[in-house]
C-alpha atoms as a PDB file:
ATOM      1  CA  MET A   1      -0.047   0.036   0.078  1.00  0.00           C
ATOM      2  CA  CYS A   2       1.759   3.149  -1.212  1.00  0.00           C
ATOM      3  CA  VAL A   3       0.225   6.277   0.303  1.00  0.00           C
ATOM      4  CA  ALA A   4       1.304   9.598  -0.773  1.00  0.00           C
ATOM      5  CA  LEU A   5       0.556  13.071   0.355  1.00  0.00           C
ATOM      6  CA  LEU A   6      -0.321  15.198  -2.575  1.00  0.00           C
ATOM      7  CA  THR A   7      -1.484  18.828  -2.882  1.00  0.00           C
ATOM      8  CA  TYR A   8      -4.473  19.539  -5.067  1.00  0.00           C
ATOM      9  CA  ALA A   9      -2.252  20.812  -7.846  1.00  0.00           C
ATOM     10  CA  ASP A  10      -0.103  17.518  -7.780  1.00  0.00           C
ATOM     11  CA  LEU A  11      -3.301  15.499  -7.732  1.00  0.00           C
ATOM     12  CA  SER A  12      -4.795  17.363 -10.619  1.00  0.00           C
ATOM     13  CA  ALA A  13      -1.571  17.120 -12.627  1.00  0.00           C
ATOM     14  CA  ARG A  14      -1.477  13.277 -11.974  1.00  0.00           C
ATOM     15  CA  LEU A  15      -5.122  12.788 -13.012  1.00  0.00           C
ATOM     16  CA  ASN A  16      -5.024  15.446 -15.753  1.00  0.00           C
ATOM     17  CA  ILE A  17      -8.002  17.338 -14.301  1.00  0.00           C
ATOM     18  CA  SER A  18      -8.466  20.817 -12.844  1.00  0.00           C
ATOM     19  CA  ARG A  19      -7.518  21.758  -9.245  1.00  0.00           C
ATOM     20  CA  GLU A  20     -11.225  22.238  -8.423  1.00  0.00           C
ATOM     21  CA  ALA A  21     -12.047  18.838  -9.726  1.00  0.00           C
ATOM     22  CA  ALA A  22      -9.197  17.287  -7.695  1.00  0.00           C
ATOM     23  CA  ARG A  23     -10.480  18.994  -4.669  1.00  0.00           C
ATOM     24  CA  SER A  24     -14.100  17.804  -5.356  1.00  0.00           C
ATOM     25  CA  LEU A  25     -12.789  14.266  -5.914  1.00  0.00           C
ATOM     26  CA  ALA A  26     -10.916  14.290  -2.487  1.00  0.00           C
ATOM     27  CA  ARG A  27     -14.028  15.487  -0.847  1.00  0.00           C
ATOM     28  CA  ARG A  28     -16.310  12.869  -2.447  1.00  0.00           C
ATOM     29  CA  ARG A  29     -14.025   9.977  -1.755  1.00  0.00           C
ATOM     30  CA  ARG A  30     -13.457  11.313   1.714  1.00  0.00           C
ATOM     31  CA  TRP A  31      -9.634  11.077   1.592  1.00  0.00           C
ATOM     32  CA  PRO A  32      -7.885  12.266   4.667  1.00  0.00           C
ATOM     33  CA  ARG A  33      -6.725  15.842   4.467  1.00  0.00           C
ATOM     34  CA  SER A  34      -4.145  17.931   6.373  1.00  0.00           C
ATOM     35  CA  ARG A  35      -2.260  21.212   6.099  1.00  0.00           C
ATOM     36  CA  SER A  36       1.395  21.459   5.032  1.00  0.00           C
ATOM     37  CA  GLU A  37       3.829  23.832   6.811  1.00  0.00           C
ATOM     38  CA  ASP A  38       3.297  26.464   4.058  1.00  0.00           C
ATOM     39  CA  GLY A  39      -0.548  26.249   4.492  1.00  0.00           C
ATOM     40  CA  LYS A  40      -1.477  24.169   1.515  1.00  0.00           C
ATOM     41  CA  ALA A  41      -3.875  21.328   1.787  1.00  0.00           C
ATOM     42  CA  LEU A  42      -2.529  17.847   1.463  1.00  0.00           C
ATOM     43  CA  VAL A  43      -4.518  14.778   0.621  1.00  0.00           C
ATOM     44  CA  SER A  44      -3.489  11.293   1.553  1.00  0.00           C
ATOM     45  CA  VAL A  45      -3.909   9.181  -1.535  1.00  0.00           C
ATOM     46  CA  ASN A  46      -3.430   5.458  -1.911  1.00  0.00           C
ATOM     47  CA  LEU A  47      -1.697   5.283  -5.294  1.00  0.00           C
ATOM     48  CA  SER A  48      -2.256   1.607  -5.785  1.00  0.00           C
ATOM     49  CA  GLU A  49      -6.076   2.235  -5.720  1.00  0.00           C
ATOM     50  CA  LEU A  50      -6.121   5.437  -7.585  1.00  0.00           C
ATOM     51  CA  ARG A  51      -8.115   4.834 -10.618  1.00  0.00           C
ATOM     52  CA  TYR A  52     -10.010   7.791 -12.039  1.00  0.00           C
ATOM     53  CA  THR A  53     -11.468   8.429 -15.356  1.00  0.00           C
ATOM     54  CA  PRO A  54     -13.162  11.787 -15.606  1.00  0.00           C
ATOM     55  CA  ARG A  55     -16.703  11.936 -17.111  1.00  0.00           C
ATOM     56  CA  PRO A  56     -16.943  13.529 -20.558  1.00  0.00           C
ATOM     57  CA  ARG A  57     -18.184  17.027 -20.571  1.00  0.00           C
ATOM     58  CA  ARG A  58     -21.763  17.684 -21.630  1.00  0.00           C
ATOM     59  CA  ALA A  59     -22.248  20.464 -24.152  1.00  0.00           C
ATOM     60  CA  ARG A  60     -24.507  23.221 -22.981  1.00  0.00           C
ATOM     61  CA  ARG A  61     -27.261  24.441 -25.267  1.00  0.00           C
ATOM     62  CA  ALA A  62     -26.588  27.881 -26.353  1.00  0.00           C
ATOM     63  CA  ASP A  63     -29.064  30.520 -25.131  1.00  0.00           C
ATOM     64  CA  PRO A  64     -30.859  31.943 -28.114  1.00  0.00           C
ATOM     65  CA  VAL A  65     -30.543  35.511 -26.808  1.00  0.00           C
ATOM     66  CA  ASP A  66     -26.833  35.162 -26.248  1.00  0.00           C
ATOM     67  CA  ALA A  67     -26.356  33.645 -29.700  1.00  0.00           C
ATOM     68  CA  SER A  68     -28.238  36.443 -31.287  1.00  0.00           C
ATOM     69  CA  LEU A  69     -26.185  39.026 -29.435  1.00  0.00           C
ATOM     70  CA  ALA A  70     -23.066  37.386 -30.559  1.00  0.00           C
ATOM     71  CA  LYS A  71     -24.338  37.509 -34.160  1.00  0.00           C
ATOM     72  CA  VAL A  72     -25.108  41.228 -33.771  1.00  0.00           C
ATOM     73  CA  GLU A  73     -21.794  41.905 -32.221  1.00  0.00           C
ATOM     74  CA  ALA A  74     -19.959  40.043 -34.901  1.00  0.00           C
ATOM     75  CA  LEU A  75     -21.513  42.307 -37.584  1.00  0.00           C
ATOM     76  CA  GLU A  76     -19.485  45.472 -38.044  1.00  0.00           C
ATOM     77  CA  PRO A  77     -21.859  48.416 -37.793  1.00  0.00           C
ATOM     78  CA  PHE A  78     -19.521  51.095 -38.874  1.00  0.00           C
ATOM     79  CA  PRO A  79     -18.691  52.644 -41.313  1.00  0.00           C
ATOM     80  CA  PHE A  80     -22.378  52.997 -41.896  1.00  0.00           C
ATOM     81  CA  GLN A  81     -23.075  54.631 -45.184  1.00  0.00           C
ATOM     82  CA  ARG A  82     -26.615  55.560 -46.106  1.00  0.00           C
ATOM     83  CA  ASP A  83     -28.193  53.885 -49.153  1.00  0.00           C
ATOM     84  CA  SER A  84     -25.496  51.308 -49.326  1.00  0.00           C
ATOM     85  CA  PRO A  85     -26.850  47.772 -50.499  1.00  0.00           C
ATOM     86  CA  ASP A  86     -24.682  46.154 -47.820  1.00  0.00           C
ATOM     87  CA  ASN A  87     -26.265  48.287 -45.044  1.00  0.00           C
ATOM     88  CA  ALA A  88     -29.655  47.516 -46.398  1.00  0.00           C
ATOM     89  CA  LEU A  89     -28.940  43.706 -46.117  1.00  0.00           C
ATOM     90  CA  GLU A  90     -27.625  44.222 -42.564  1.00  0.00           C
ATOM     91  CA  ILE A  91     -30.709  46.177 -41.584  1.00  0.00           C
ATOM     92  CA  ALA A  92     -32.956  43.397 -43.058  1.00  0.00           C
ATOM     93  CA  ALA A  93     -30.928  40.820 -41.090  1.00  0.00           C
ATOM     94  CA  PHE A  94     -31.286  42.833 -37.940  1.00  0.00           C
ATOM     95  CA  LYS A  95     -35.055  43.234 -38.457  1.00  0.00           C
ATOM     96  CA  ALA A  96     -35.305  39.413 -39.061  1.00  0.00           C
ATOM     97  CA  GLU A  97     -33.331  38.680 -35.924  1.00  0.00           C
ATOM     98  CA  ILE A  98     -35.535  41.027 -33.918  1.00  0.00           C
ATOM     99  CA  ALA A  99     -38.645  39.357 -35.275  1.00  0.00           C
ATOM    100  CA  ARG A 100     -37.209  35.933 -34.316  1.00  0.00           C
ATOM    101  CA  LEU A 101     -36.243  37.072 -30.767  1.00  0.00           C
ATOM    102  CA  GLU A 102     -39.774  38.414 -30.289  1.00  0.00           C
ATOM    103  CA  GLU A 103     -41.207  34.997 -31.265  1.00  0.00           C
ATOM    104  CA  VAL A 104     -38.869  33.297 -28.826  1.00  0.00           C
ATOM    105  CA  ALA A 105     -39.873  35.768 -26.008  1.00  0.00           C
ATOM    106  CA  ALA A 106     -43.590  35.198 -26.786  1.00  0.00           C
ATOM    107  CA  ALA A 107     -43.072  31.390 -26.546  1.00  0.00           C
ATOM    108  CA  TYR A 108     -41.340  31.799 -23.243  1.00  0.00           C
ATOM    109  CA  ARG A 109     -44.122  34.089 -21.994  1.00  0.00           C
ATOM    110  CA  ALA A 110     -46.809  31.578 -22.933  1.00  0.00           C
ATOM    111  CA  VAL A 111     -44.910  28.871 -21.019  1.00  0.00           C
ATOM    112  CA  PHE A 112     -44.606  31.188 -18.050  1.00  0.00           C
ATOM    113  CA  GLU A 113     -48.298  32.033 -18.164  1.00  0.00           C
ATOM    114  CA  ARG A 114     -49.341  28.352 -18.386  1.00  0.00           C
ATOM    115  CA  GLU A 115     -47.111  27.410 -15.494  1.00  0.00           C
ATOM    116  CA  ARG A 116     -48.498  30.325 -13.385  1.00  0.00           C
ATOM    117  CA  GLU A 117     -52.117  29.184 -14.036  1.00  0.00           C
ATOM    118  CA  ARG A 118     -51.101  25.707 -13.058  1.00  0.00           C
ATOM    119  CA  ALA A 119     -49.463  26.955  -9.818  1.00  0.00           C
ATOM    120  CA  ASP A 120     -52.650  28.956  -9.053  1.00  0.00           C
ATOM    121  CA  ARG A 121     -54.849  25.963  -9.536  1.00  0.00           C
ATOM    122  CA  LEU A 122     -52.596  23.817  -7.249  1.00  0.00           C
ATOM    123  CA  ALA A 123     -52.591  26.465  -4.599  1.00  0.00           C
ATOM    124  CA  ALA A 124     -56.389  26.498  -4.700  1.00  0.00           C
ATOM    125  CA  GLU A 125     -56.654  22.785  -4.515  1.00  0.00           C
ATOM    126  CA  LEU A 126     -54.216  22.775  -1.617  1.00  0.00           C
ATOM    127  CA  ALA A 127     -56.127  25.389   0.296  1.00  0.00           C
ATOM    128  CA  GLN A 128     -59.386  23.469  -0.279  1.00  0.00           C
ATOM    129  CA  ALA A 129     -57.749  20.233   0.954  1.00  0.00           C
ATOM    130  CA  ALA A 130     -56.382  21.969   4.030  1.00  0.00           C
ATOM    131  CA  ALA A 131     -59.908  23.253   4.827  1.00  0.00           C
ATOM    132  CA  GLU A 132     -61.357  19.840   4.358  1.00  0.00           C
ATOM    133  CA  THR A 133     -58.659  18.256   6.638  1.00  0.00           C
ATOM    134  CA  THR A 134     -59.361  20.839   9.323  1.00  0.00           C
ATOM    135  CA  ALA A 135     -63.028  20.155   9.186  1.00  0.00           C
ATOM    136  CA  ALA A 136     -62.476  16.342   9.340  1.00  0.00           C
ATOM    137  CA  ASN A 137     -60.151  16.871  12.320  1.00  0.00           C
ATOM    138  CA  ALA A 138     -62.854  18.876  14.135  1.00  0.00           C
ATOM    139  CA  TRP A 139     -65.461  16.240  13.514  1.00  0.00           C
ATOM    140  CA  ALA A 140     -63.048  13.525  14.766  1.00  0.00           C
ATOM    141  CA  ALA A 141     -62.273  15.483  17.793  1.00  0.00           C
ATOM    142  CA  ARG A 142     -65.912  15.960  18.633  1.00  0.00           C
ATOM    143  CA  LEU A 143     -66.773  12.362  18.052  1.00  0.00           C
ATOM    144  CA  GLU A 144     -63.873  11.307  20.306  1.00  0.00           C
ATOM    145  CA  ASP A 145     -65.182  13.660  23.037  1.00  0.00           C
ATOM    146  CA  GLU A 146     -68.687  12.215  22.676  1.00  0.00           C
ATOM    147  CA  MET A 147     -67.248   8.562  22.967  1.00  0.00           C
ATOM    148  CA  ALA A 148     -65.268   9.653  26.020  1.00  0.00           C
ATOM    149  CA  ASP A 149     -68.475  10.977  27.600  1.00  0.00           C
ATOM    150  CA  LEU A 150     -70.323   7.676  26.758  1.00  0.00           C
ATOM    151  CA  ARG A 151     -67.554   5.546  28.251  1.00  0.00           C
ATOM    152  CA  ALA A 152     -67.453   7.737  31.277  1.00  0.00           C
ATOM    153  CA  GLY A 153     -71.295   7.508  31.736  1.00  0.00           C
ATOM    154  CA  ARG A 154     -71.311   3.775  31.585  1.00  0.00           C
ATOM    155  CA  ARG A 155     -68.587   3.437  34.142  1.00  0.00           C
ATOM    156  CA  ASP A 156     -70.361   5.796  36.530  1.00  0.00           C
ATOM    157  CA  GLY A 157     -73.778   4.235  36.791  1.00  0.00           C
ATOM    158  CA  GLY A 158     -74.500   1.854  33.938  1.00  0.00           C
ATOM    159  CA  ALA A 159     -77.082   2.391  31.234  1.00  0.00           C
ATOM    160  CA  THR A 160     -79.103   5.548  31.722  1.00  0.00           C
ATOM    161  CA  ALA A 161     -81.487   7.510  29.612  1.00  0.00           C
ATOM    162  CA  GLY A 162     -78.756  10.259  29.190  1.00  0.00           C
ATOM    163  CA  ALA A 163     -76.332   7.681  27.804  1.00  0.00           C
ATOM    164  CA  ALA A 164     -78.929   6.483  25.304  1.00  0.00           C
ATOM    165  CA  ARG A 165     -79.678  10.024  24.099  1.00  0.00           C
ATOM    166  CA  ARG A 166     -75.998  10.723  23.675  1.00  0.00           C
ATOM    167  CA  LEU A 167     -75.567   7.442  21.834  1.00  0.00           C
ATOM    168  CA  GLY A 168     -78.247   8.593  19.501  1.00  0.00           C
ATOM    169  CA  HIS A 169     -76.576  12.006  18.970  1.00  0.00           C
ATOM    170  CA  LEU A 170     -73.225  10.148  18.337  1.00  0.00           C
ATOM    171  CA  ALA A 171     -74.910   7.846  15.703  1.00  0.00           C
ATOM    172  CA  ALA A 172     -76.445  11.045  13.998  1.00  0.00           C
ATOM    173  CA  ALA A 173     -73.071  12.732  14.047  1.00  0.00           C
ATOM    174  CA  ILE A 174     -71.454   9.762  12.423  1.00  0.00           C
ATOM    175  CA  VAL A 175     -74.055   9.614   9.739  1.00  0.00           C
ATOM    176  CA  GLN A 176     -73.704  13.424   9.179  1.00  0.00           C
ATOM    177  CA  ALA A 177     -69.889  13.128   8.929  1.00  0.00           C
ATOM    178  CA  ASP A 178     -70.209  10.191   6.469  1.00  0.00           C
ATOM    179  CA  ARG A 179     -72.514  12.190   4.306  1.00  0.00           C
ATOM    180  CA  ALA A 180     -70.183  15.163   4.326  1.00  0.00           C
ATOM    181  CA  ALA A 181     -67.228  13.066   3.435  1.00  0.00           C
ATOM    182  CA  ARG A 182     -69.071  11.614   0.411  1.00  0.00           C
ATOM    183  CA  ARG A 183     -69.758  15.148  -1.141  1.00  0.00           C
END
């Protein structure tokens, strides 16, 4: 087992990755770290087990607005001569680019509006569900209180007319709660 103390720069050079990637790798693999006398971080790496192949980079999709700005900046606006055929072509190209960007913005706006309406609907459903839950909890608490009263009445003196009346109220409350739940 060959263990070496490497700085992030040494580790990155050995693995052919960036310093930040080496630092992240050391963190992910929970390699022991310490400080050298000059203040640099040292990582204890078992060189016999060091096998690392970096993932290939994924290409990012270019933002259409940034791409358009790059196109506009690439065109040389000056010297601008009036009535030049080249300038007329550039102006037509700019107008076409503006129209395309407005279409892209309109599409993004439509998506935004659709998602906002969806979020509003979900918020309303959530509020309704919360109200129904609160009502159901109140019914359950009331029924539990009535059950506790009935149990206490039976222990005190047996079956009485009051207990029978409360039992009837309890049955009516259960039926009413069942009807409310079915709506």
